[in-house]
Amino acid sequence: MTSSTDKTADLLAAVLADLARVVGGITPEQLHDPTPCTELDVGQLRNHVLGWLSTFAAGFTDPNGQAPRADINGYQAPADAATEVHTAADLLDRAIRSGAAERPLRLGDSAMPGELALGMILWEYQVHGWDLARATGQPWSPPAAAAAESLTFAPAMLTDDYQGEGKAFGRPVDVLDDEPPLDRLLGLSGRDPRWSAS
């Protein structure tokens, strides 16, 4: 019988496979283009996404759950960004399936339950993958089940402390209840699913 963690790992693997394709498709001319993540351009958001992915993978892989850094200041994505995503995704997947989500993930002096971190990663990489795909004119179609799972996770994280002007997430955007799960997740996360760079 497949555990809920294994199911989340399966969904995350699919999301990260799509992410590898998207970051591999970004051209040098697009690096300074705007993104739906309004404070970051394409290049900055790519660095953010890849830097944290490699940090999370290293933290889950470490026997004590200790990430190698508490922030990613100064991180620069390598030339082969797609391979970086594949490498980190493989490390993360193996660690999760070996039970790493059962222990805390430590970033500097702070720690969070591993399962909480895993749910956060699944959610954020769907949203940021969409940010990059939409900003660079590429398709983005993670499994609907991934967005559905994150729709049950994200509301508890989106308190007033984290959502609103100048905070980690923008104010929610109204999306109809019968819209696809990803669109509803984007709206909940402060994104307009109809966003366009033009």
C-alpha atoms as a PDB file:
ATOM      1  CA  MET A   1       0.000   0.000   0.000  1.00  0.00           C
ATOM      2  CA  THR A   2       1.335   3.424  -0.990  1.00  0.00           C
ATOM      3  CA  SER A   3       1.750   5.893   1.866  1.00  0.00           C
ATOM      4  CA  SER A   4       0.598   9.496   1.653  1.00  0.00           C
ATOM      5  CA  THR A   5       4.267  10.563   1.652  1.00  0.00           C
ATOM      6  CA  ASP A   6       4.976   8.316  -1.336  1.00  0.00           C
ATOM      7  CA  LYS A   7       2.009   9.844  -3.169  1.00  0.00           C
ATOM      8  CA  THR A   8       3.294  13.332  -2.448  1.00  0.00           C
ATOM      9  CA  ALA A   9       6.749  12.244  -3.635  1.00  0.00           C
ATOM     10  CA  ASP A  10       5.222  10.951  -6.884  1.00  0.00           C
ATOM     11  CA  LEU A  11       3.433  14.254  -7.454  1.00  0.00           C
ATOM     12  CA  LEU A  12       6.531  16.288  -6.624  1.00  0.00           C
ATOM     13  CA  ALA A  13       8.623  14.206  -9.032  1.00  0.00           C
ATOM     14  CA  ALA A  14       6.162  15.029 -11.830  1.00  0.00           C
ATOM     15  CA  VAL A  15       6.175  18.745 -10.956  1.00  0.00           C
ATOM     16  CA  LEU A  16       9.984  18.869 -10.894  1.00  0.00           C
ATOM     17  CA  ALA A  17      10.235  17.018 -14.211  1.00  0.00           C
ATOM     18  CA  ASP A  18       8.098  19.775 -15.728  1.00  0.00           C
ATOM     19  CA  LEU A  19      10.239  22.394 -13.981  1.00  0.00           C
ATOM     20  CA  ALA A  20      13.419  20.952 -15.519  1.00  0.00           C
ATOM     21  CA  ARG A  21      11.875  21.330 -18.970  1.00  0.00           C
ATOM     22  CA  VAL A  22      10.827  24.920 -18.264  1.00  0.00           C
ATOM     23  CA  VAL A  23      14.162  26.128 -16.862  1.00  0.00           C
ATOM     24  CA  GLY A  24      15.921  24.372 -19.731  1.00  0.00           C
ATOM     25  CA  GLY A  25      13.784  26.360 -22.158  1.00  0.00           C
ATOM     26  CA  ILE A  26      14.602  29.810 -20.782  1.00  0.00           C
ATOM     27  CA  THR A  27      16.680  31.843 -23.240  1.00  0.00           C
ATOM     28  CA  PRO A  28      19.335  34.422 -22.265  1.00  0.00           C
ATOM     29  CA  GLU A  29      17.136  37.122 -23.789  1.00  0.00           C
ATOM     30  CA  GLN A  30      14.360  36.313 -21.306  1.00  0.00           C
ATOM     31  CA  LEU A  31      16.383  36.590 -18.099  1.00  0.00           C
ATOM     32  CA  HIS A  32      15.334  40.176 -17.350  1.00  0.00           C
ATOM     33  CA  ASP A  33      11.687  39.769 -18.334  1.00  0.00           C
ATOM     34  CA  PRO A  34       9.000  40.306 -15.675  1.00  0.00           C
ATOM     35  CA  THR A  35       7.270  37.418 -13.909  1.00  0.00           C
ATOM     36  CA  PRO A  36       3.998  37.068 -11.974  1.00  0.00           C
ATOM     37  CA  CYS A  37       6.237  36.996  -8.879  1.00  0.00           C
ATOM     38  CA  THR A  38       6.457  40.761  -9.209  1.00  0.00           C
ATOM     39  CA  GLU A  39       9.608  41.428  -7.188  1.00  0.00           C
ATOM     40  CA  LEU A  40      11.730  38.996  -9.254  1.00  0.00           C
ATOM     41  CA  ASP A  41      12.553  38.882 -12.952  1.00  0.00           C
ATOM     42  CA  VAL A  42      13.006  35.588 -14.814  1.00  0.00           C
ATOM     43  CA  GLY A  43      16.698  35.211 -13.978  1.00  0.00           C
ATOM     44  CA  GLN A  44      16.238  36.095 -10.322  1.00  0.00           C
ATOM     45  CA  LEU A  45      13.287  33.745  -9.961  1.00  0.00           C
ATOM     46  CA  ARG A  46      15.202  30.930 -11.673  1.00  0.00           C
ATOM     47  CA  ASN A  47      18.036  31.437  -9.169  1.00  0.00           C
ATOM     48  CA  HIS A  48      15.529  31.462  -6.294  1.00  0.00           C
ATOM     49  CA  VAL A  49      13.824  28.284  -7.456  1.00  0.00           C
ATOM     50  CA  LEU A  50      17.006  26.337  -8.174  1.00  0.00           C
ATOM     51  CA  GLY A  51      18.899  27.576  -5.141  1.00  0.00           C
ATOM     52  CA  TRP A  52      16.171  26.523  -2.737  1.00  0.00           C
ATOM     53  CA  LEU A  53      15.606  23.225  -4.541  1.00  0.00           C
ATOM     54  CA  SER A  54      19.257  22.237  -4.145  1.00  0.00           C
ATOM     55  CA  THR A  55      19.156  23.404  -0.503  1.00  0.00           C
ATOM     56  CA  PHE A  56      16.027  21.368   0.266  1.00  0.00           C
ATOM     57  CA  ALA A  57      17.500  18.308  -1.457  1.00  0.00           C
ATOM     58  CA  ALA A  58      20.721  18.555   0.546  1.00  0.00           C
ATOM     59  CA  GLY A  59      18.795  19.040   3.779  1.00  0.00           C
ATOM     60  CA  PHE A  60      16.551  16.030   3.218  1.00  0.00           C
ATOM     61  CA  THR A  61      19.606  13.963   2.232  1.00  0.00           C
ATOM     62  CA  ASP A  62      21.595  14.892   5.345  1.00  0.00           C
ATOM     63  CA  PRO A  63      21.195  12.248   8.130  1.00  0.00           C
ATOM     64  CA  ASN A  64      20.342  15.020  10.611  1.00  0.00           C
ATOM     65  CA  GLY A  65      18.121  16.929   8.195  1.00  0.00           C
ATOM     66  CA  GLN A  66      20.519  19.888   8.206  1.00  0.00           C
ATOM     67  CA  ALA A  67      20.451  22.030   5.061  1.00  0.00           C
ATOM     68  CA  PRO A  68      23.842  23.438   4.042  1.00  0.00           C
ATOM     69  CA  ARG A  69      22.642  27.039   4.254  1.00  0.00           C
ATOM     70  CA  ALA A  70      19.800  28.985   5.797  1.00  0.00           C
ATOM     71  CA  ASP A  71      19.348  31.280   2.789  1.00  0.00           C
ATOM     72  CA  ILE A  72      20.436  31.372  -0.841  1.00  0.00           C
ATOM     73  CA  ASN A  73      21.951  34.833  -1.063  1.00  0.00           C
ATOM     74  CA  GLY A  74      24.510  34.851  -3.847  1.00  0.00           C
ATOM     75  CA  TYR A  75      23.317  31.640  -5.488  1.00  0.00           C
ATOM     76  CA  GLN A  76      23.665  31.649  -9.274  1.00  0.00           C
ATOM     77  CA  ALA A  77      22.024  28.969 -11.403  1.00  0.00           C
ATOM     78  CA  PRO A  78      24.488  26.933 -13.468  1.00  0.00           C
ATOM     79  CA  ALA A  79      24.474  27.098 -17.258  1.00  0.00           C
ATOM     80  CA  ASP A  80      22.713  23.740 -17.436  1.00  0.00           C
ATOM     81  CA  ALA A  81      19.772  24.578 -15.214  1.00  0.00           C
ATOM     82  CA  ALA A  82      17.714  21.575 -16.329  1.00  0.00           C
ATOM     83  CA  THR A  83      20.398  19.130 -15.159  1.00  0.00           C
ATOM     84  CA  GLU A  84      20.576  20.969 -11.828  1.00  0.00           C
ATOM     85  CA  VAL A  85      16.842  20.407 -11.355  1.00  0.00           C
ATOM     86  CA  HIS A  86      17.071  16.728 -12.342  1.00  0.00           C
ATOM     87  CA  THR A  87      19.989  16.149  -9.953  1.00  0.00           C
ATOM     88  CA  ALA A  88      18.292  17.847  -7.006  1.00  0.00           C
ATOM     89  CA  ALA A  89      14.965  16.149  -7.774  1.00  0.00           C
ATOM     90  CA  ASP A  90      16.614  12.709  -7.795  1.00  0.00           C
ATOM     91  CA  LEU A  91      18.359  13.359  -4.465  1.00  0.00           C
ATOM     92  CA  LEU A  92      15.141  14.650  -2.938  1.00  0.00           C
ATOM     93  CA  ASP A  93      13.092  11.726  -4.205  1.00  0.00           C
ATOM     94  CA  ARG A  94      15.513   9.095  -2.900  1.00  0.00           C
ATOM     95  CA  ALA A  95      15.723  10.802   0.494  1.00  0.00           C
ATOM     96  CA  ILE A  96      11.941  11.093   0.862  1.00  0.00           C
ATOM     97  CA  ARG A  97      11.394   7.451  -0.073  1.00  0.00           C
ATOM     98  CA  SER A  98      14.032   6.493   2.511  1.00  0.00           C
ATOM     99  CA  GLY A  99      12.055   8.197   5.285  1.00  0.00           C
ATOM    100  CA  ALA A 100      13.657  11.648   5.386  1.00  0.00           C
ATOM    101  CA  ALA A 101      10.263  13.370   5.686  1.00  0.00           C
ATOM    102  CA  GLU A 102       9.794  11.659   9.051  1.00  0.00           C
ATOM    103  CA  ARG A 103      12.445  13.906  10.646  1.00  0.00           C
ATOM    104  CA  PRO A 104      12.670  17.701  10.824  1.00  0.00           C
ATOM    105  CA  LEU A 105      14.256  19.732   8.056  1.00  0.00           C
ATOM    106  CA  ARG A 106      16.688  22.247   9.539  1.00  0.00           C
ATOM    107  CA  LEU A 107      17.519  25.584   7.924  1.00  0.00           C
ATOM    108  CA  GLY A 108      20.155  27.257  10.074  1.00  0.00           C
ATOM    109  CA  ASP A 109      18.870  27.284  13.660  1.00  0.00           C
ATOM    110  CA  SER A 110      15.226  26.775  12.701  1.00  0.00           C
ATOM    111  CA  ALA A 111      13.499  23.506  11.914  1.00  0.00           C
ATOM    112  CA  MET A 112      10.168  22.376  10.530  1.00  0.00           C
ATOM    113  CA  PRO A 113       8.579  18.934  10.409  1.00  0.00           C
ATOM    114  CA  GLY A 114       9.709  17.079   7.321  1.00  0.00           C
ATOM    115  CA  GLU A 115       6.173  16.354   6.113  1.00  0.00           C
ATOM    116  CA  LEU A 116       5.302  20.046   6.450  1.00  0.00           C
ATOM    117  CA  ALA A 117       8.384  20.972   4.425  1.00  0.00           C
ATOM    118  CA  LEU A 118       7.450  18.430   1.770  1.00  0.00           C
ATOM    119  CA  GLY A 119       3.939  19.854   1.450  1.00  0.00           C
ATOM    120  CA  MET A 120       5.370  23.362   1.212  1.00  0.00           C
ATOM    121  CA  ILE A 121       7.820  22.340  -1.514  1.00  0.00           C
ATOM    122  CA  LEU A 122       5.087  20.690  -3.603  1.00  0.00           C
ATOM    123  CA  TRP A 123       2.933  23.801  -3.351  1.00  0.00           C
ATOM    124  CA  GLU A 124       5.637  26.386  -4.001  1.00  0.00           C
ATOM    125  CA  TYR A 125       7.151  24.590  -6.971  1.00  0.00           C
ATOM    126  CA  GLN A 126       3.797  24.379  -8.705  1.00  0.00           C
ATOM    127  CA  VAL A 127       3.325  28.124  -8.271  1.00  0.00           C
ATOM    128  CA  HIS A 128       6.882  29.154  -9.135  1.00  0.00           C
ATOM    129  CA  GLY A 129       6.988  26.706 -12.047  1.00  0.00           C
ATOM    130  CA  TRP A 130       3.885  28.410 -13.390  1.00  0.00           C
ATOM    131  CA  ASP A 131       5.515  31.817 -12.799  1.00  0.00           C
ATOM    132  CA  LEU A 132       8.511  30.865 -14.940  1.00  0.00           C
ATOM    133  CA  ALA A 133       6.487  29.087 -17.601  1.00  0.00           C
ATOM    134  CA  ARG A 134       4.003  31.930 -17.976  1.00  0.00           C
ATOM    135  CA  ALA A 135       6.767  34.570 -18.052  1.00  0.00           C
ATOM    136  CA  THR A 136       8.660  32.718 -20.799  1.00  0.00           C
ATOM    137  CA  GLY A 137       5.708  31.528 -22.895  1.00  0.00           C
ATOM    138  CA  GLN A 138       6.061  27.844 -22.086  1.00  0.00           C
ATOM    139  CA  PRO A 139       3.391  25.274 -21.176  1.00  0.00           C
ATOM    140  CA  TRP A 140       2.930  24.273 -17.541  1.00  0.00           C
ATOM    141  CA  SER A 141       0.710  21.323 -16.756  1.00  0.00           C
ATOM    142  CA  PRO A 142       1.574  19.508 -13.520  1.00  0.00           C
ATOM    143  CA  PRO A 143      -0.829  16.751 -12.436  1.00  0.00           C
ATOM    144  CA  ALA A 144      -4.194  18.093 -11.299  1.00  0.00           C
ATOM    145  CA  ALA A 145      -3.803  15.860  -8.241  1.00  0.00           C
ATOM    146  CA  ALA A 146      -0.756  17.906  -7.191  1.00  0.00           C
ATOM    147  CA  ALA A 147      -2.759  21.131  -7.150  1.00  0.00           C
ATOM    148  CA  ALA A 148      -5.647  19.383  -5.413  1.00  0.00           C
ATOM    149  CA  GLU A 149      -3.319  18.188  -2.660  1.00  0.00           C
ATOM    150  CA  SER A 150      -1.813  21.642  -2.256  1.00  0.00           C
ATOM    151  CA  LEU A 151      -5.280  23.187  -2.040  1.00  0.00           C
ATOM    152  CA  THR A 152      -5.769  21.218   1.173  1.00  0.00           C
ATOM    153  CA  PHE A 153      -2.338  22.258   2.483  1.00  0.00           C
ATOM    154  CA  ALA A 154      -1.880  25.912   1.552  1.00  0.00           C
ATOM    155  CA  PRO A 155      -4.777  27.595   3.404  1.00  0.00           C
ATOM    156  CA  ALA A 156      -3.307  26.787   6.809  1.00  0.00           C
ATOM    157  CA  MET A 157      -0.026  28.419   5.741  1.00  0.00           C
ATOM    158  CA  LEU A 158      -1.558  31.554   4.245  1.00  0.00           C
ATOM    159  CA  THR A 159      -2.199  33.487   7.417  1.00  0.00           C
ATOM    160  CA  ASP A 160      -2.272  37.287   7.567  1.00  0.00           C
ATOM    161  CA  ASP A 161       1.384  37.185   8.605  1.00  0.00           C
ATOM    162  CA  TYR A 162       2.385  35.832   5.203  1.00  0.00           C
ATOM    163  CA  GLN A 163      -0.171  37.200   2.752  1.00  0.00           C
ATOM    164  CA  GLY A 164      -0.703  40.801   1.683  1.00  0.00           C
ATOM    165  CA  GLU A 165       1.187  43.875   0.580  1.00  0.00           C
ATOM    166  CA  GLY A 166       4.953  43.475   0.978  1.00  0.00           C
ATOM    167  CA  LYS A 167       4.655  39.903   2.305  1.00  0.00           C
ATOM    168  CA  ALA A 168       5.729  36.519   0.949  1.00  0.00           C
ATOM    169  CA  PHE A 169       2.401  36.000  -0.850  1.00  0.00           C
ATOM    170  CA  GLY A 170       0.144  38.549  -2.480  1.00  0.00           C
ATOM    171  CA  ARG A 171      -3.481  38.973  -1.574  1.00  0.00           C
ATOM    172  CA  PRO A 172      -5.725  36.181  -2.887  1.00  0.00           C
ATOM    173  CA  VAL A 173      -7.122  36.607  -6.399  1.00  0.00           C
ATOM    174  CA  ASP A 174     -10.736  35.583  -6.875  1.00  0.00           C
ATOM    175  CA  VAL A 175     -11.032  32.405  -8.946  1.00  0.00           C
ATOM    176  CA  LEU A 176     -14.318  30.584  -9.498  1.00  0.00           C
ATOM    177  CA  ASP A 177     -14.835  27.348  -7.601  1.00  0.00           C
ATOM    178  CA  ASP A 178     -15.323  25.406 -10.841  1.00  0.00           C
ATOM    179  CA  GLU A 179     -11.990  26.487 -12.310  1.00  0.00           C
ATOM    180  CA  PRO A 180      -9.160  23.893 -12.555  1.00  0.00           C
ATOM    181  CA  PRO A 181      -7.325  23.101  -9.301  1.00  0.00           C
ATOM    182  CA  LEU A 182      -4.128  24.800 -10.472  1.00  0.00           C
ATOM    183  CA  ASP A 183      -5.965  28.044 -11.232  1.00  0.00           C
ATOM    184  CA  ARG A 184      -7.587  27.943  -7.799  1.00  0.00           C
ATOM    185  CA  LEU A 185      -4.198  27.283  -6.178  1.00  0.00           C
ATOM    186  CA  LEU A 186      -2.676  30.206  -8.080  1.00  0.00           C
ATOM    187  CA  GLY A 187      -5.481  32.514  -6.995  1.00  0.00           C
ATOM    188  CA  LEU A 188      -5.142  31.402  -3.399  1.00  0.00           C
ATOM    189  CA  SER A 189      -1.397  32.110  -3.643  1.00  0.00           C
ATOM    190  CA  GLY A 190      -1.939  35.662  -4.874  1.00  0.00           C
ATOM    191  CA  ARG A 191      -1.533  34.981  -8.595  1.00  0.00           C
ATOM    192  CA  ASP A 192      -3.906  35.947 -11.397  1.00  0.00           C
ATOM    193  CA  PRO A 193      -4.180  32.850 -13.628  1.00  0.00           C
ATOM    194  CA  ARG A 194      -4.758  35.211 -16.575  1.00  0.00           C
ATOM    195  CA  TRP A 195      -1.444  37.065 -16.035  1.00  0.00           C
ATOM    196  CA  SER A 196       0.480  37.953 -19.177  1.00  0.00           C
ATOM    197  CA  ALA A 197       3.826  39.682 -19.629  1.00  0.00           C
ATOM    198  CA  SER A 198       2.494  41.696 -22.576  1.00  0.00           C
END
